[in-house]
C-alpha atoms as a PDB file:
ATOM      1  CA  MET A   1      -0.043  -0.209  -0.011  1.00  0.00           C
ATOM      2  CA  GLY A   2       1.502   3.584  -0.640  1.00  0.00           C
ATOM      3  CA  LEU A   3       1.312   6.764   0.794  1.00  0.00           C
ATOM      4  CA  THR A   4      -1.691   7.638  -1.606  1.00  0.00           C
ATOM      5  CA  ALA A   5      -3.610   4.520  -0.072  1.00  0.00           C
ATOM      6  CA  VAL A   6      -2.827   5.636   3.690  1.00  0.00           C
ATOM      7  CA  LEU A   7      -3.635   9.314   2.880  1.00  0.00           C
ATOM      8  CA  LEU A   8      -6.749   8.423   1.499  1.00  0.00           C
ATOM      9  CA  ALA A   9      -7.674   6.365   4.688  1.00  0.00           C
ATOM     10  CA  LEU A  10      -7.921   9.809   6.970  1.00  0.00           C
ATOM     11  CA  THR A  11     -11.047  11.354   4.836  1.00  0.00           C
ATOM     12  CA  ALA A  12     -11.944  15.439   4.290  1.00  0.00           C
ATOM     13  CA  CYS A  13     -13.378  17.680   6.528  1.00  0.00           C
ATOM     14  CA  SER A  14     -13.324  21.261   7.762  1.00  0.00           C
ATOM     15  CA  SER A  15     -14.041  22.553  11.145  1.00  0.00           C
ATOM     16  CA  ASP A  16     -14.372  26.155  12.370  1.00  0.00           C
ATOM     17  CA  ASP A  17     -14.440  24.835  16.110  1.00  0.00           C
ATOM     18  CA  PRO A  18     -11.422  26.428  17.931  1.00  0.00           C
ATOM     19  CA  ALA A  19      -9.092  23.607  19.014  1.00  0.00           C
ATOM     20  CA  PRO A  20      -9.039  22.526  22.394  1.00  0.00           C
ATOM     21  CA  ALA A  21      -5.821  23.941  24.576  1.00  0.00           C
ATOM     22  CA  PRO A  22      -2.889  22.510  23.300  1.00  0.00           C
ATOM     23  CA  GLY A  23      -1.772  19.320  24.913  1.00  0.00           C
ATOM     24  CA  SER A  24       1.918  18.126  25.050  1.00  0.00           C
ATOM     25  CA  GLY A  25       1.816  17.132  21.190  1.00  0.00           C
ATOM     26  CA  ALA A  26       4.381  14.311  21.631  1.00  0.00           C
ATOM     27  CA  THR A  27       3.857  10.942  20.673  1.00  0.00           C
ATOM     28  CA  THR A  28       4.967   7.916  21.655  1.00  0.00           C
ATOM     29  CA  ALA A  29       6.064   4.740  19.271  1.00  0.00           C
ATOM     30  CA  THR A  30       3.081   1.888  19.573  1.00  0.00           C
ATOM     31  CA  THR A  31       3.233  -1.213  18.004  1.00  0.00           C
ATOM     32  CA  ALA A  32       0.469  -2.089  15.449  1.00  0.00           C
ATOM     33  CA  SER A  33      -0.355  -5.277  17.738  1.00  0.00           C
ATOM     34  CA  ASP A  34      -0.408  -2.806  21.040  1.00  0.00           C
ATOM     35  CA  ALA A  35      -2.709  -0.328  19.456  1.00  0.00           C
ATOM     36  CA  GLY A  36      -5.031  -2.787  17.808  1.00  0.00           C
ATOM     37  CA  GLU A  37      -5.402  -5.330  20.857  1.00  0.00           C
ATOM     38  CA  THR A  38      -5.864  -3.429  23.783  1.00  0.00           C
ATOM     39  CA  THR A  39      -8.495  -4.253  26.098  1.00  0.00           C
ATOM     40  CA  GLY A  40     -10.946  -1.327  27.011  1.00  0.00           C
ATOM     41  CA  GLY A  41     -13.386  -1.348  29.651  1.00  0.00           C
ATOM     42  CA  ALA A  42     -16.106   0.867  31.270  1.00  0.00           C
ATOM     43  CA  ALA A  43     -16.609   4.274  29.311  1.00  0.00           C
ATOM     44  CA  GLY A  44     -14.005   6.703  31.020  1.00  0.00           C
ATOM     45  CA  SER A  45     -12.155   3.951  33.283  1.00  0.00           C
ATOM     46  CA  GLY A  46      -8.731   3.624  33.024  1.00  0.00           C
ATOM     47  CA  ASP A  47      -8.031   0.711  30.800  1.00  0.00           C
ATOM     48  CA  ALA A  48     -10.439   2.364  28.145  1.00  0.00           C
ATOM     49  CA  GLN A  49      -8.579   5.385  28.397  1.00  0.00           C
ATOM     50  CA  GLU A  50      -5.024   3.977  27.917  1.00  0.00           C
ATOM     51  CA  ALA A  51      -6.581   1.696  24.709  1.00  0.00           C
ATOM     52  CA  LEU A  52      -7.826   4.872  22.671  1.00  0.00           C
ATOM     53  CA  ARG A  53      -4.385   6.886  23.825  1.00  0.00           C
ATOM     54  CA  LYS A  54      -2.872   3.857  22.044  1.00  0.00           C
ATOM     55  CA  VAL A  55      -4.781   4.121  19.314  1.00  0.00           C
ATOM     56  CA  VAL A  56      -4.432   7.566  19.081  1.00  0.00           C
ATOM     57  CA  ASP A  57      -0.861   7.707  19.371  1.00  0.00           C
ATOM     58  CA  ALA A  58      -0.406   5.091  16.375  1.00  0.00           C
ATOM     59  CA  ALA A  59      -2.528   6.994  14.110  1.00  0.00           C
ATOM     60  CA  VAL A  60      -0.627  10.258  14.517  1.00  0.00           C
ATOM     61  CA  ASP A  61       2.601   8.286  14.153  1.00  0.00           C
ATOM     62  CA  ALA A  62       1.414   6.396  11.446  1.00  0.00           C
ATOM     63  CA  ALA A  63       0.364  10.043   9.441  1.00  0.00           C
ATOM     64  CA  ASN A  64       3.717  11.506  10.485  1.00  0.00           C
ATOM     65  CA  LEU A  65       6.019   8.250   9.679  1.00  0.00           C
ATOM     66  CA  ALA A  66       3.871   7.657   6.460  1.00  0.00           C
ATOM     67  CA  ASP A  67       3.648   3.959   7.933  1.00  0.00           C
ATOM     68  CA  PRO A  68       0.590   2.406   6.384  1.00  0.00           C
ATOM     69  CA  SER A  69       0.782  -0.987   8.097  1.00  0.00           C
ATOM     70  CA  LEU A  70       0.838   0.939  11.740  1.00  0.00           C
ATOM     71  CA  LEU A  71      -2.262   2.912  10.378  1.00  0.00           C
ATOM     72  CA  THR A  72      -4.294  -0.203   8.958  1.00  0.00           C
ATOM     73  CA  ALA A  73      -3.734  -1.770  12.146  1.00  0.00           C
ATOM     74  CA  VAL A  74      -5.715   0.697  13.737  1.00  0.00           C
ATOM     75  CA  LEU A  75      -8.469   1.397  11.083  1.00  0.00           C
ATOM     76  CA  CYS A  76     -11.828  -0.079  11.895  1.00  0.00           C
ATOM     77  CA  GLU A  77     -12.461  -0.538   7.886  1.00  0.00           C
ATOM     78  CA  PRO A  78      -9.263  -0.698   6.019  1.00  0.00           C
ATOM     79  CA  GLY A  79     -10.070   0.315   2.593  1.00  0.00           C
ATOM     80  CA  GLY A  80     -13.295   1.796   3.921  1.00  0.00           C
ATOM     81  CA  PRO A  81     -14.795   5.188   4.203  1.00  0.00           C
ATOM     82  CA  GLN A  82     -13.409   7.396   6.872  1.00  0.00           C
ATOM     83  CA  LYS A  83     -14.762  10.390   9.211  1.00  0.00           C
ATOM     84  CA  SER A  84     -11.340  11.768   9.986  1.00  0.00           C
ATOM     85  CA  THR A  85      -9.135  14.351   8.126  1.00  0.00           C
ATOM     86  CA  ARG A  86      -7.584  13.522   4.994  1.00  0.00           C
ATOM     87  CA  ILE A  87      -3.607  13.923   5.751  1.00  0.00           C
ATOM     88  CA  PRO A  88      -1.486  15.448   2.540  1.00  0.00           C
ATOM     89  CA  ALA A  89       1.638  13.860   1.385  1.00  0.00           C
ATOM     90  CA  GLY A  90       4.317  16.020   3.487  1.00  0.00           C
ATOM     91  CA  ALA A  91       2.270  17.119   6.538  1.00  0.00           C
ATOM     92  CA  LEU A  92       3.505  16.968  10.324  1.00  0.00           C
ATOM     93  CA  VAL A  93       0.138  16.333  12.357  1.00  0.00           C
ATOM     94  CA  GLU A  94       0.186  17.080  16.128  1.00  0.00           C
ATOM     95  CA  LEU A  95      -2.403  15.721  18.341  1.00  0.00           C
ATOM     96  CA  LYS A  96      -3.839  18.571  20.153  1.00  0.00           C
ATOM     97  CA  ASP A  97      -5.520  16.906  23.002  1.00  0.00           C
ATOM     98  CA  TYR A  98      -6.413  13.194  23.853  1.00  0.00           C
ATOM     99  CA  PRO A  99      -9.983  12.419  23.953  1.00  0.00           C
ATOM    100  CA  THR A 100     -11.856  11.058  26.967  1.00  0.00           C
ATOM    101  CA  ALA A 101     -13.125   7.462  26.329  1.00  0.00           C
ATOM    102  CA  ASP A 102     -16.883   8.000  26.855  1.00  0.00           C
ATOM    103  CA  GLY A 103     -19.447   6.974  24.462  1.00  0.00           C
ATOM    104  CA  ASP A 104     -19.189   4.643  21.030  1.00  0.00           C
ATOM    105  CA  GLU A 105     -17.497   7.369  19.242  1.00  0.00           C
ATOM    106  CA  VAL A 106     -15.221  10.262  20.190  1.00  0.00           C
ATOM    107  CA  GLN A 107     -12.754  12.621  18.557  1.00  0.00           C
ATOM    108  CA  ALA A 108      -9.316  13.806  19.068  1.00  0.00           C
ATOM    109  CA  ASP A 109      -8.541  17.534  17.798  1.00  0.00           C
ATOM    110  CA  LEU A 110      -5.378  17.451  15.400  1.00  0.00           C
ATOM    111  CA  GLU A 111      -3.045  20.364  13.905  1.00  0.00           C
ATOM    112  CA  ILE A 112      -1.895  19.864  10.496  1.00  0.00           C
ATOM    113  CA  ALA A 113       0.993  21.566   9.088  1.00  0.00           C
ATOM    114  CA  VAL A 114       1.836  21.746   5.354  1.00  0.00           C
ATOM    115  CA  LYS A 115       4.605  23.919   3.885  1.00  0.00           C
ATOM    116  CA  GLY A 116       4.560  26.151   7.259  1.00  0.00           C
ATOM    117  CA  GLU A 117       0.566  26.454   7.095  1.00  0.00           C
ATOM    118  CA  SER A 118      -1.437  25.002   9.456  1.00  0.00           C
ATOM    119  CA  SER A 119      -4.935  23.916  10.123  1.00  0.00           C
ATOM    120  CA  PRO A 120      -7.428  22.048  12.288  1.00  0.00           C
ATOM    121  CA  GLY A 121      -8.032  18.412  11.548  1.00  0.00           C
ATOM    122  CA  LYS A 122      -9.644  15.768  13.961  1.00  0.00           C
ATOM    123  CA  LEU A 123      -9.310  12.362  14.297  1.00  0.00           C
ATOM    124  CA  VAL A 124     -12.292  10.064  14.683  1.00  0.00           C
ATOM    125  CA  LEU A 125     -12.186   7.161  16.725  1.00  0.00           C
ATOM    126  CA  SER A 126     -15.290   4.302  17.277  1.00  0.00           C
ATOM    127  CA  ARG A 127     -15.490   2.118  19.965  1.00  0.00           C
ATOM    128  CA  LYS A 128     -14.852  -1.586  18.827  1.00  0.00           C
ATOM    129  CA  GLY A 129     -15.414  -4.328  21.266  1.00  0.00           C
ATOM    130  CA  ASP A 130     -13.224  -3.749  24.212  1.00  0.00           C
ATOM    131  CA  GLY A 131     -10.777  -1.269  22.250  1.00  0.00           C
ATOM    132  CA  TRP A 132     -10.843   1.241  19.878  1.00  0.00           C
ATOM    133  CA  CYS A 133     -10.292   1.970  16.153  1.00  0.00           C
ATOM    134  CA  VAL A 134      -9.811   4.969  13.586  1.00  0.00           C
ATOM    135  CA  ALA A 135     -13.126   5.692  12.011  1.00  0.00           C
END
């Protein structure tokens, strides 16, 4: 799978909503198996929140590293329709804040920088069994 296919997995959106207060913006490398196989728990619980954070980190890492296997491991439907922001080639993605593992669908706010221009984006995540995936 080429970079284009990876980038198409995150679909276009626009948002006029202000971004939440900046988080650390740092992500840690998460293996695909860690991201995809993490167990959850009750909404908002520590286990569910940790599972959600691992999937968010893996998705942001996949975008920044242009790593299709890492992204595929966290997608709800690889090759299917997506609700998240399309990430252009050469973009730098920064997580603004982690969402709370509350409900069946949550959104992480992103900042996407391309050639010095930044714009907001979103990463939509859906609960899948005991874990989370990128929708």
